Amino acid sequence: MVLALKAPAHFSLVHFTLFSPVNSCFSFALFCYCRTASCSCFCSDISFNTLTSEGTLRNNETLVSNGGIFELGFFSTESFSDYHYLGIWLRADANKVVWVDRENPILGSSGLLQIWSGNLVLTDRRQVQLIVNSGYVATATTNTSATLLDTGNLVLKEADTGTIIWQSFDIPSDTYLPGMKLGLFGLNSTNKPGFHMLVSWVSPEDPARGLFTLTVDGTNLTKLKVWRGDGAKMDIAFWDGHGLQFVFENSTGNNNYNFSYQSNKYEAYYTFSSSQKYDLMWFVLASTGNLEQYVMLDKKISSVSHTLCEDGGMCLTSVPSKCDDGGTFLEMNGSLPSTYNSGSINTRASDCEILCKNNCSCTAFASVQNEETGCQLYYGSKRELLKIIEKGPGIIYIRGGTPSDGKKWKLWLAIAVPLAFLLALIPISLSCYLCRRKGLSLVVIRLNTLLFVIVRIKLGRVQMSALLQ
C-alpha cells in the first residue's frame, strides 16, 4: 500500500491511495475531509492511464486517459459477438471507436493485454501471442510502458529514456484525430516509404479493412485522395499554400480546423488541431465511402456527412455491382414467413443491404421492424420467392427488381393471354375464308389451326416461365 498524507491545520483534504495487488493498472482512492481531529472519508475508483510490465488488462478492464476523454479496452459488436477487438473509444460515447487493432481479433471474452519482453502482447484462450506493435518490436531487455494520452494516442515507450517505440497514431484505422499525421514517410531511406492512411470498416458492425482508403496522393503529395477497392479514386482536398481546401460543400474551412502541411526530403504529411470553440473535432472515413466530420462540446457530439461526388455525377459510394442482376434493390410490399430462417442474421437493418449486395447469391432481403432482431436474407429464385411472400406491413427488397414487379407480371398476363387468342383468331378466320373460296377440306384447316393455337400457347408459357426465373 502506498500512502499519501498531508497533516491538516484546520480544514484540508487528505488523500490515501491503495494500489490493487492483483492489477497495478487500477487503484482505489480514499479521500478524507478533516477538521482538527475529526475526518469524513469517502472512496473513489481511479482508472490509470498506463500499463506497465507488472500489470495486465483483461476483457472487463480499461485504461482511461488523464483527462477522462478516451478509454482503451476490449469491445465487440452485435453482429460479430464471437470476436473481441482491442480498441480506443470516447468515454462520452462508447460507440465512437477511434482506433482498433483490426489485425488481431480475439476469440470470445478471454482477451488479455500485457507487456511481454518490452512489447504489447495480446493473448486469448488459444494461448497464441499476438504482438500489437509488430512493425516496431522492442528489444528483449527494454523496460517499457504503454500510456493512453488525452489525444487518443496509445504510446509504447521506454520507461527510462521516454523514447517512443510505437504509437497507435502511426497505424490509424478509420478515424483522423487532431495531432495524427496522414501522409508518406520514409522518403530517401533504405527502407520502402510507407503511408499513414485511413481505411474504412467493412460495415458499421465489422471493423475489418473495408473498401475505402484515404491518404495523400503518391504523385502529388499536396492532395488528399480517396481510393475505392475496385480502383476508382477521387481527389477530395488540396493545399492552396495557406490552408487545406476540400472539394465538397460545407467544407471545414480554416475557422474550425487548423490544418498544416509539412514536407521535406524525408516525409510529407497533413495534420490539424481543434478549434478552441470545441472540445474535440475529428473525421471518420465511413464504410459507405462518406467522409464524416464530428465535433464534441460538453460531451455532446454532432456530425455532418459528406458524399464524395465529382461534378460529372460519379460518386465513390456507388460501387459497380458484378452480379448478373445488378446491385440495386427495390421494394415490394410483404414479408418473409417468421419460420423462414435460412440466411437470417442478427444485425441492424441498416446493414442488411450491404450484406446482401456483397453476395451475388443473395436474391432479396427483408428488414425486420425490430432493430434488435435484424434482417432476413433470401438466396432462392425469384419464382420461389413469390410463392412464400406473406401479406403484411413489411417490405422486401429484391435484387434487380422494381417496386411493382409482382403486379407487373400479373398485368402482363392479363393483357398477353387475350391478345394471344385474338391473334390466333385472325389466321383461323382467314383460313375459313380461304377454305370456302378454294374448296379445301375443312378438317385439314381445323387441324392446322389447332396446331397453330397450341404452338402459340406453348410459346406464351415459355415467355411466362422466363419472366419468373
Protein backbone atom coordinates (compact mmCIF):
# COMPACT_ATOMS: atom_id res chain seq x y z
CA MET A 1 0.00 0.00 0.00
CA VAL A 2 1.19 3.49 -0.87
CA LEU A 3 0.06 6.26 1.49
CA ALA A 4 -0.02 9.96 0.70
CA LEU A 5 -0.86 12.12 3.73
CA LYS A 6 -0.86 15.82 4.44
CA ALA A 7 -1.50 16.80 8.05
CA PRO A 8 -4.39 19.27 8.26
CA ALA A 9 -4.11 22.54 10.13
CA HIS A 10 -7.81 23.43 10.27
CA PHE A 11 -9.54 22.07 7.14
CA SER A 12 -7.88 20.16 4.30
CA LEU A 13 -8.15 17.16 2.01
CA VAL A 14 -6.24 14.03 2.87
CA HIS A 15 -5.67 11.55 0.02
CA PHE A 16 -4.82 7.89 0.56
CA THR A 17 -4.07 5.75 -2.49
CA LEU A 18 -4.48 1.99 -2.21
CA PHE A 19 -3.00 0.05 -5.12
CA SER A 20 -4.53 -3.27 -6.06
CA PRO A 21 -2.02 -6.10 -5.61
CA VAL A 22 -3.73 -8.08 -8.41
CA ASN A 23 -3.59 -5.47 -11.15
CA SER A 24 -1.31 -2.45 -10.97
CA CYS A 25 -3.32 -0.69 -13.67
CA PHE A 26 -6.08 0.18 -11.22
CA SER A 27 -6.31 1.66 -7.76
CA PHE A 28 -8.74 2.86 -5.17
CA ALA A 29 -8.52 6.31 -3.61
CA LEU A 30 -9.69 7.27 -0.14
CA PHE A 31 -10.44 10.99 0.23
CA CYS A 32 -10.95 12.48 3.67
CA TYR A 33 -12.14 15.94 4.68
CA CYS A 34 -10.61 16.73 8.07
CA ARG A 35 -11.30 19.46 10.62
CA THR A 36 -8.95 19.32 13.60
CA ALA A 37 -9.25 15.76 14.95
CA SER A 38 -12.37 14.62 13.04
CA CYS A 39 -12.38 13.37 9.45
CA SER A 40 -15.09 12.46 6.94
CA CYS A 41 -13.92 9.97 4.29
CA PHE A 42 -15.21 8.56 1.00
CA CYS A 43 -13.86 6.17 -1.64
CA SER A 44 -13.37 6.71 -5.35
CA ASP A 45 -12.28 4.36 -8.16
CA ILE A 46 -9.35 5.55 -10.22
CA SER A 47 -8.52 4.02 -13.61
CA PHE A 48 -4.89 4.51 -14.50
CA ASN A 49 -3.78 5.57 -17.98
CA THR A 50 -0.60 3.47 -18.06
CA LEU A 51 0.12 -0.23 -18.41
CA THR A 52 3.45 -1.44 -17.08
CA SER A 53 5.28 -4.73 -17.34
CA GLU A 54 3.85 -5.75 -13.96
CA GLY A 55 0.24 -5.16 -14.98
CA THR A 56 -2.36 -6.82 -17.19
CA LEU A 57 -5.51 -5.61 -18.90
CA ARG A 58 -8.37 -8.11 -19.08
CA ASN A 59 -11.61 -8.10 -21.04
CA ASN A 60 -13.63 -6.21 -18.41
CA GLU A 61 -10.90 -3.67 -17.58
CA THR A 62 -9.87 -0.42 -19.26
CA LEU A 63 -7.27 2.31 -19.32
CA VAL A 64 -8.57 5.88 -19.18
CA SER A 65 -6.65 8.94 -20.32
CA ASN A 66 -5.79 11.51 -17.64
CA GLY A 67 -8.48 13.95 -18.71
CA GLY A 68 -11.11 11.22 -18.98
CA ILE A 69 -11.60 11.77 -22.73
CA PHE A 70 -10.57 8.39 -24.15
CA GLU A 71 -10.79 4.81 -22.93
CA LEU A 72 -8.90 1.70 -24.07
CA GLY A 73 -10.12 -1.86 -23.70
CA PHE A 74 -11.77 -4.76 -25.48
CA PHE A 75 -15.04 -4.41 -27.39
CA SER A 76 -17.30 -6.45 -29.67
CA THR A 77 -20.23 -5.70 -31.99
CA GLU A 78 -23.71 -7.24 -32.05
CA SER A 79 -23.18 -8.99 -35.39
CA PHE A 80 -19.73 -10.37 -34.54
CA SER A 81 -20.05 -11.02 -30.82
CA ASP A 82 -17.75 -14.06 -31.03
CA TYR A 83 -14.82 -11.75 -31.73
CA HIS A 84 -13.41 -9.03 -29.49
CA TYR A 85 -11.01 -6.27 -30.52
CA LEU A 86 -8.56 -4.08 -28.66
CA GLY A 87 -9.73 -0.54 -29.27
CA ILE A 88 -9.91 3.08 -28.13
CA TRP A 89 -13.21 4.93 -27.85
CA LEU A 90 -14.66 8.16 -26.48
CA ARG A 91 -15.89 7.99 -22.90
CA ALA A 92 -18.71 10.36 -23.89
CA ASP A 93 -19.98 7.72 -26.36
CA ALA A 94 -18.52 4.22 -26.30
CA ASN A 95 -19.92 3.58 -29.80
CA LYS A 96 -17.47 6.13 -31.20
CA VAL A 97 -14.45 3.85 -31.65
CA VAL A 98 -11.50 5.94 -32.84
CA TRP A 99 -8.88 3.20 -33.13
CA VAL A 100 -8.96 -0.59 -33.36
CA ASP A 101 -6.31 -3.29 -33.63
CA ARG A 102 -8.07 -4.89 -36.60
CA GLU A 103 -5.19 -7.28 -37.33
CA ASN A 104 -5.61 -9.26 -34.10
CA PRO A 105 -9.23 -10.21 -33.33
CA ILE A 106 -9.64 -12.07 -30.04
CA LEU A 107 -11.83 -15.15 -29.62
CA GLY A 108 -14.58 -14.56 -27.09
CA SER A 109 -14.11 -12.61 -23.88
CA SER A 110 -10.81 -14.23 -22.92
CA GLY A 111 -8.63 -11.34 -24.13
CA LEU A 112 -5.58 -10.30 -22.14
CA LEU A 113 -3.21 -7.40 -22.87
CA GLN A 114 0.20 -7.22 -21.21
CA ILE A 115 3.75 -6.06 -21.81
CA TRP A 116 5.97 -9.04 -22.58
CA SER A 117 9.67 -8.59 -23.38
CA GLY A 118 9.03 -4.88 -23.92
CA ASN A 119 6.17 -5.39 -26.42
CA LEU A 120 2.39 -5.07 -26.24
CA VAL A 121 1.13 -8.65 -26.46
CA LEU A 122 -2.43 -9.97 -26.81
CA THR A 123 -3.48 -13.49 -25.85
CA ASP A 124 -6.79 -15.35 -25.68
CA ARG A 125 -7.93 -18.89 -24.93
CA ARG A 126 -5.84 -20.16 -27.85
CA GLN A 127 -2.76 -19.03 -25.89
CA VAL A 128 -1.23 -17.59 -29.07
CA GLN A 129 0.82 -14.44 -28.51
CA LEU A 130 -0.14 -11.60 -30.86
CA ILE A 131 2.18 -8.58 -30.91
CA VAL A 132 0.24 -5.32 -31.28
CA ASN A 133 3.37 -3.30 -32.17
CA SER A 134 4.62 -5.94 -34.63
CA GLY A 135 6.11 -3.36 -37.00
CA TYR A 136 8.28 -1.79 -34.30
CA VAL A 137 9.38 -4.58 -31.97
CA ALA A 138 11.29 -3.64 -28.82
CA THR A 139 14.41 -5.46 -27.69
CA ALA A 140 14.01 -8.11 -25.03
CA THR A 141 15.90 -6.04 -22.45
CA THR A 142 13.84 -2.87 -22.93
CA ASN A 143 11.82 -1.68 -19.91
CA THR A 144 8.67 -0.24 -21.48
CA SER A 145 5.25 1.10 -20.54
CA ALA A 146 2.14 1.95 -22.59
CA THR A 147 0.20 5.16 -21.88
CA LEU A 148 -3.16 6.31 -23.24
CA LEU A 149 -2.97 10.08 -23.84
CA ASP A 150 -5.77 12.64 -23.91
CA THR A 151 -5.16 12.93 -27.67
CA GLY A 152 -6.42 9.36 -28.12
CA ASN A 153 -2.90 8.11 -28.86
CA LEU A 154 -1.62 4.92 -27.24
CA VAL A 155 2.14 5.28 -26.83
CA LEU A 156 4.61 2.47 -26.07
CA LYS A 157 7.87 3.96 -24.84
CA GLU A 158 10.99 3.17 -22.90
CA ALA A 159 10.33 3.80 -19.24
CA ASP A 160 13.81 5.18 -18.52
CA THR A 161 14.50 7.41 -21.52
CA GLY A 162 10.97 8.18 -22.74
CA THR A 163 11.91 7.13 -26.30
CA ILE A 164 8.80 6.22 -28.30
CA ILE A 165 8.94 2.68 -29.70
CA TRP A 166 5.43 2.56 -31.20
CA GLN A 167 2.21 4.57 -31.17
CA SER A 168 -1.32 3.94 -32.41
CA PHE A 169 -1.30 7.25 -34.34
CA ASP A 170 1.13 5.61 -36.78
CA ILE A 171 -1.43 2.96 -37.78
CA PRO A 172 -4.81 4.74 -37.94
CA SER A 173 -7.99 2.81 -38.58
CA ASP A 174 -10.91 4.87 -39.97
CA THR A 175 -10.60 7.96 -37.74
CA TYR A 176 -8.47 11.10 -38.20
CA LEU A 177 -7.82 12.75 -34.82
CA PRO A 178 -6.09 16.08 -34.05
CA GLY A 179 -2.33 15.59 -33.96
CA MET A 180 -2.47 12.50 -36.16
CA LYS A 181 -0.36 12.59 -39.34
CA LEU A 182 -1.65 11.41 -42.73
CA GLY A 183 0.99 11.20 -45.43
CA LEU A 184 4.07 9.49 -46.80
CA PHE A 185 7.01 8.68 -44.55
CA GLY A 186 10.48 7.18 -45.00
CA LEU A 187 11.39 9.08 -48.18
CA ASN A 188 15.02 8.83 -49.32
CA SER A 189 15.71 6.00 -46.89
CA THR A 190 16.94 2.46 -47.40
CA ASN A 191 13.52 1.12 -46.43
CA LYS A 192 10.46 1.34 -48.67
CA PRO A 193 8.39 4.50 -47.94
CA GLY A 194 5.15 3.90 -46.07
CA PHE A 195 1.80 5.69 -45.95
CA HIS A 196 -0.17 6.69 -42.89
CA MET A 197 -3.75 6.29 -44.11
CA LEU A 198 -7.36 5.90 -43.08
CA VAL A 199 -9.07 2.64 -44.03
CA SER A 200 -12.83 2.30 -43.59
CA TRP A 201 -14.55 -0.51 -41.74
CA VAL A 202 -16.28 -3.23 -43.80
CA SER A 203 -19.58 -2.17 -42.22
CA PRO A 204 -20.69 -0.37 -39.05
CA GLU A 205 -20.58 -3.78 -37.36
CA ASP A 206 -17.33 -5.13 -38.82
CA PRO A 207 -14.05 -3.28 -38.06
CA ALA A 208 -12.02 -5.28 -40.60
CA ARG A 209 -10.47 -3.41 -43.55
CA GLY A 210 -13.20 -2.05 -45.83
CA LEU A 211 -13.38 -0.77 -49.41
CA PHE A 212 -12.18 2.81 -48.93
CA THR A 213 -8.75 4.33 -48.24
CA LEU A 214 -7.78 7.98 -47.64
CA THR A 215 -4.26 9.45 -47.69
CA VAL A 216 -2.04 11.79 -49.73
CA ASP A 217 -1.68 11.31 -53.48
CA GLY A 218 1.55 9.43 -54.24
CA THR A 219 2.33 11.64 -57.28
CA ASN A 220 1.16 14.97 -55.84
CA LEU A 221 1.74 14.93 -52.10
CA THR A 222 -0.23 18.17 -51.57
CA LYS A 223 -3.51 16.41 -52.42
CA LEU A 224 -5.70 14.17 -50.30
CA LYS A 225 -7.28 11.33 -52.24
CA VAL A 226 -9.77 8.52 -51.58
CA TRP A 227 -9.43 5.13 -53.28
CA ARG A 228 -12.15 2.51 -53.64
CA GLY A 229 -11.49 -1.22 -53.70
CA ASP A 230 -12.25 -1.56 -57.42
CA GLY A 231 -9.58 1.01 -58.36
CA ALA A 232 -11.78 4.12 -58.62
CA LYS A 233 -10.29 7.20 -56.95
CA MET A 234 -11.09 10.84 -56.31
CA ASP A 235 -9.25 13.96 -55.11
CA ILE A 236 -11.08 15.37 -52.09
CA ALA A 237 -8.77 18.17 -50.87
CA PHE A 238 -5.68 20.17 -51.85
CA TRP A 239 -3.22 22.58 -50.25
CA ASP A 240 -3.50 26.11 -51.66
CA GLY A 241 -0.41 27.42 -49.90
CA HIS A 242 -2.33 28.71 -46.90
CA GLY A 243 -4.81 26.00 -45.92
CA LEU A 244 -6.46 22.75 -46.90
CA GLN A 245 -9.39 23.21 -49.28
CA PHE A 246 -11.98 20.44 -49.57
CA VAL A 247 -13.93 19.87 -52.78
CA PHE A 248 -17.32 19.22 -51.20
CA GLU A 249 -19.75 21.84 -49.95
CA ASN A 250 -19.93 22.87 -46.28
CA SER A 251 -16.23 22.11 -46.06
CA THR A 252 -14.24 22.60 -42.91
CA GLY A 253 -12.56 25.91 -43.63
CA ASN A 254 -9.77 27.33 -41.52
CA ASN A 255 -12.12 28.75 -38.91
CA ASN A 256 -12.78 25.40 -37.28
CA TYR A 257 -9.85 23.17 -38.24
CA ASN A 258 -6.24 24.36 -38.14
CA PHE A 259 -4.62 22.26 -40.88
CA SER A 260 -0.92 22.33 -41.59
CA TYR A 261 1.15 20.69 -44.32
CA GLN A 262 4.74 19.62 -43.69
CA SER A 263 7.10 18.47 -46.41
CA ASN A 264 10.81 17.71 -46.52
CA LYS A 265 13.13 15.15 -48.09
CA TYR A 266 12.09 12.52 -45.54
CA GLU A 267 8.33 12.93 -45.23
CA ALA A 268 5.21 14.78 -46.40
CA TYR A 269 2.05 14.83 -44.30
CA TYR A 270 -1.04 16.69 -43.12
CA THR A 271 -2.02 17.26 -39.51
CA PHE A 272 -4.55 19.50 -37.76
CA SER A 273 -5.62 20.82 -34.37
CA SER A 274 -9.10 21.51 -33.00
CA SER A 275 -10.68 24.90 -32.79
CA GLN A 276 -10.93 26.36 -29.30
CA LYS A 277 -14.72 26.57 -29.68
CA TYR A 278 -14.99 22.75 -29.43
CA ASP A 279 -13.64 20.19 -27.00
CA LEU A 280 -12.73 17.81 -29.84
CA MET A 281 -13.03 17.62 -33.64
CA TRP A 282 -12.31 14.65 -35.89
CA PHE A 283 -13.00 12.92 -39.21
CA VAL A 284 -14.23 9.39 -39.99
CA LEU A 285 -13.99 7.58 -43.34
CA ALA A 286 -17.28 5.66 -43.18
CA SER A 287 -17.87 2.15 -44.55
CA THR A 288 -20.18 3.70 -47.19
CA GLY A 289 -17.35 5.89 -48.52
CA ASN A 290 -18.72 9.09 -46.99
CA LEU A 291 -16.36 11.41 -45.14
CA GLU A 292 -17.92 12.37 -41.81
CA GLN A 293 -16.99 15.36 -39.64
CA TYR A 294 -17.57 15.18 -35.89
CA VAL A 295 -17.41 17.81 -33.15
CA MET A 296 -17.85 17.41 -29.40
CA LEU A 297 -18.81 20.14 -26.96
CA ASP A 298 -19.65 19.45 -23.31
CA LYS A 299 -19.76 15.71 -24.10
CA LYS A 300 -22.44 16.28 -26.77
CA ILE A 301 -21.46 15.01 -30.23
CA SER A 302 -22.78 16.21 -33.59
CA SER A 303 -21.74 15.34 -37.14
CA VAL A 304 -22.01 16.22 -40.83
CA SER A 305 -21.67 13.56 -43.55
CA HIS A 306 -20.22 14.34 -46.99
CA THR A 307 -20.88 12.15 -50.02
CA LEU A 308 -17.81 12.11 -52.26
CA CYS A 309 -19.09 13.02 -55.73
CA GLU A 310 -17.48 14.76 -58.69
CA ASP A 311 -19.11 17.42 -60.86
CA GLY A 312 -19.88 14.78 -63.51
CA GLY A 313 -22.05 12.88 -61.03
CA MET A 314 -19.73 9.94 -60.34
CA CYS A 315 -19.76 9.05 -56.64
CA LEU A 316 -17.30 6.76 -54.92
CA THR A 317 -20.09 5.42 -52.75
CA SER A 318 -21.87 3.81 -55.73
CA VAL A 319 -19.80 0.65 -56.15
CA PRO A 320 -20.46 -1.03 -59.53
CA SER A 321 -22.10 -4.41 -58.99
CA LYS A 322 -20.55 -7.52 -60.53
CA CYS A 323 -23.75 -9.54 -60.05
CA ASP A 324 -25.89 -10.56 -63.03
CA ASP A 325 -28.99 -8.84 -61.63
CA GLY A 326 -27.04 -5.72 -60.64
CA GLY A 327 -26.68 -4.11 -57.27
CA THR A 328 -29.96 -2.25 -56.92
CA PHE A 329 -32.67 -3.37 -54.51
CA LEU A 330 -36.19 -2.08 -54.94
CA GLU A 331 -39.23 -2.51 -52.78
CA MET A 332 -42.14 -4.94 -52.73
CA ASN A 333 -44.79 -4.99 -50.00
CA GLY A 334 -44.94 -8.15 -47.91
CA SER A 335 -42.81 -10.18 -45.53
CA LEU A 336 -40.99 -13.48 -45.33
CA PRO A 337 -42.56 -16.13 -43.10
CA SER A 338 -41.46 -15.95 -39.47
CA THR A 339 -40.44 -19.60 -39.77
CA TYR A 340 -38.07 -18.78 -42.63
CA ASN A 341 -34.61 -18.58 -41.08
CA SER A 342 -32.33 -19.52 -43.97
CA GLY A 343 -29.88 -16.66 -44.07
CA SER A 344 -31.30 -14.82 -41.05
CA ILE A 345 -28.66 -12.61 -39.43
CA ASN A 346 -28.71 -10.80 -36.11
CA THR A 347 -27.68 -7.39 -37.36
CA ARG A 348 -29.11 -3.91 -37.65
CA ALA A 349 -31.46 -3.27 -40.56
CA SER A 350 -29.11 -0.61 -41.91
CA ASP A 351 -26.55 -3.34 -42.65
CA CYS A 352 -28.92 -5.70 -44.50
CA GLU A 353 -28.40 -4.16 -47.93
CA ILE A 354 -24.62 -4.15 -47.50
CA LEU A 355 -24.57 -7.84 -46.55
CA CYS A 356 -26.86 -8.83 -49.43
CA LYS A 357 -25.22 -6.56 -52.01
CA ASN A 358 -21.79 -8.08 -51.38
CA ASN A 359 -23.09 -11.60 -52.06
CA CYS A 360 -24.38 -12.21 -55.60
CA SER A 361 -26.21 -15.34 -54.38
CA CYS A 362 -28.44 -13.14 -52.23
CA THR A 363 -31.67 -12.51 -54.17
CA ALA A 364 -33.52 -10.40 -51.63
CA PHE A 365 -33.63 -9.27 -48.02
CA ALA A 366 -36.35 -8.25 -45.61
CA SER A 367 -35.73 -5.60 -42.99
CA VAL A 368 -37.35 -6.62 -39.74
CA GLN A 369 -39.17 -3.87 -37.88
CA ASN A 370 -37.44 -4.68 -34.59
CA GLU A 371 -33.89 -3.30 -34.81
CA GLU A 372 -32.67 -5.81 -32.25
CA THR A 373 -33.77 -8.73 -34.44
CA GLY A 374 -32.05 -7.58 -37.62
CA CYS A 375 -32.91 -8.85 -41.09
CA GLN A 376 -33.60 -11.92 -43.23
CA LEU A 377 -31.59 -12.78 -46.33
CA TYR A 378 -33.08 -14.83 -49.20
CA TYR A 379 -30.93 -16.94 -51.56
CA GLY A 380 -33.52 -18.72 -53.74
CA SER A 381 -35.02 -17.86 -57.11
CA LYS A 382 -37.49 -15.02 -57.58
CA ARG A 383 -40.10 -17.53 -58.72
CA GLU A 384 -39.93 -19.38 -55.40
CA LEU A 385 -39.77 -16.08 -53.52
CA LEU A 386 -43.17 -15.04 -54.91
CA LYS A 387 -44.66 -18.28 -53.56
CA ILE A 388 -43.62 -17.73 -49.94
CA ILE A 389 -44.21 -13.99 -49.57
CA GLU A 390 -46.86 -13.26 -46.96
CA LYS A 391 -49.15 -10.25 -46.77
CA GLY A 392 -48.24 -7.75 -44.10
CA PRO A 393 -46.80 -4.31 -43.32
CA GLY A 394 -43.21 -5.35 -44.03
CA ILE A 395 -41.05 -4.55 -47.06
CA ILE A 396 -38.97 -6.99 -49.11
CA TYR A 397 -36.06 -5.65 -51.16
CA ILE A 398 -35.47 -7.65 -54.36
CA ARG A 399 -32.22 -7.51 -56.32
CA GLY A 400 -32.74 -6.08 -59.80
CA GLY A 401 -36.50 -5.85 -59.28
CA THR A 402 -38.90 -2.93 -59.39
CA PRO A 403 -41.29 -1.71 -56.70
CA SER A 404 -44.24 -3.23 -58.60
CA ASP A 405 -42.67 -6.30 -60.23
CA GLY A 406 -45.18 -8.60 -58.55
CA LYS A 407 -48.04 -6.61 -60.05
CA LYS A 408 -46.40 -6.06 -63.43
CA TRP A 409 -46.09 -9.69 -64.42
CA LYS A 410 -49.76 -10.30 -63.47
CA LEU A 411 -50.77 -7.30 -65.56
CA TRP A 412 -48.65 -8.63 -68.43
CA LEU A 413 -50.52 -11.95 -68.28
CA ALA A 414 -53.89 -10.21 -68.17
CA ILE A 415 -53.05 -8.40 -71.41
CA ALA A 416 -50.94 -11.01 -73.18
CA VAL A 417 -53.32 -14.00 -72.90
CA PRO A 418 -56.40 -12.33 -74.51
CA LEU A 419 -54.11 -10.76 -77.10
CA ALA A 420 -52.68 -14.19 -77.96
CA PHE A 421 -56.16 -15.62 -78.54
CA LEU A 422 -57.13 -12.60 -80.61
CA LEU A 423 -54.07 -13.03 -82.78
CA ALA A 424 -54.90 -16.72 -83.12
CA LEU A 425 -58.46 -15.96 -84.32
CA ILE A 426 -57.19 -13.86 -87.20
CA PRO A 427 -55.48 -16.71 -89.12
CA ILE A 428 -58.42 -19.01 -88.22
CA SER A 429 -60.89 -16.63 -89.79
CA LEU A 430 -58.60 -16.14 -92.79
CA SER A 431 -58.24 -19.90 -93.19
CA CYS A 432 -62.01 -20.42 -93.12
CA TYR A 433 -62.46 -17.73 -95.73
CA LEU A 434 -59.86 -19.30 -98.00
CA CYS A 435 -61.39 -22.72 -97.36
CA ARG A 436 -64.77 -21.67 -98.72
CA ARG A 437 -63.23 -19.96 -101.75
CA LYS A 438 -60.83 -22.74 -102.71
CA GLY A 439 -62.91 -25.69 -101.53
CA LEU A 440 -60.22 -27.05 -99.26
CA SER A 441 -61.04 -29.64 -96.67
CA LEU A 442 -62.40 -28.02 -93.54
CA VAL A 443 -60.99 -30.85 -91.44
CA VAL A 444 -57.45 -30.19 -92.59
CA ILE A 445 -57.79 -26.48 -91.89
CA ARG A 446 -59.11 -27.16 -88.42
CA LEU A 447 -56.16 -29.43 -87.65
CA ASN A 448 -53.71 -26.82 -88.87
CA THR A 449 -55.47 -24.15 -86.87
CA LEU A 450 -55.46 -26.26 -83.74
CA LEU A 451 -51.73 -26.86 -84.15
CA PHE A 452 -51.16 -23.14 -84.55
CA VAL A 453 -53.07 -22.30 -81.38
CA ILE A 454 -51.18 -24.96 -79.44
CA VAL A 455 -47.85 -23.50 -80.56
CA ARG A 456 -48.95 -20.01 -79.60
CA ILE A 457 -49.98 -21.13 -76.13
CA LYS A 458 -46.72 -23.02 -75.60
CA LEU A 459 -44.72 -20.00 -76.66
CA GLY A 460 -46.72 -17.91 -74.23
CA ARG A 461 -45.91 -20.32 -71.43
CA VAL A 462 -42.23 -20.24 -72.30
CA GLN A 463 -42.27 -16.45 -72.12
CA MET A 464 -44.08 -16.53 -68.78
CA SER A 465 -41.61 -19.05 -67.40
CA ALA A 466 -38.65 -16.94 -68.49
CA LEU A 467 -40.16 -13.90 -66.82
CA LEU A 468 -40.48 -15.62 -63.47
CA GLN A 469 -36.95 -17.04 -63.32
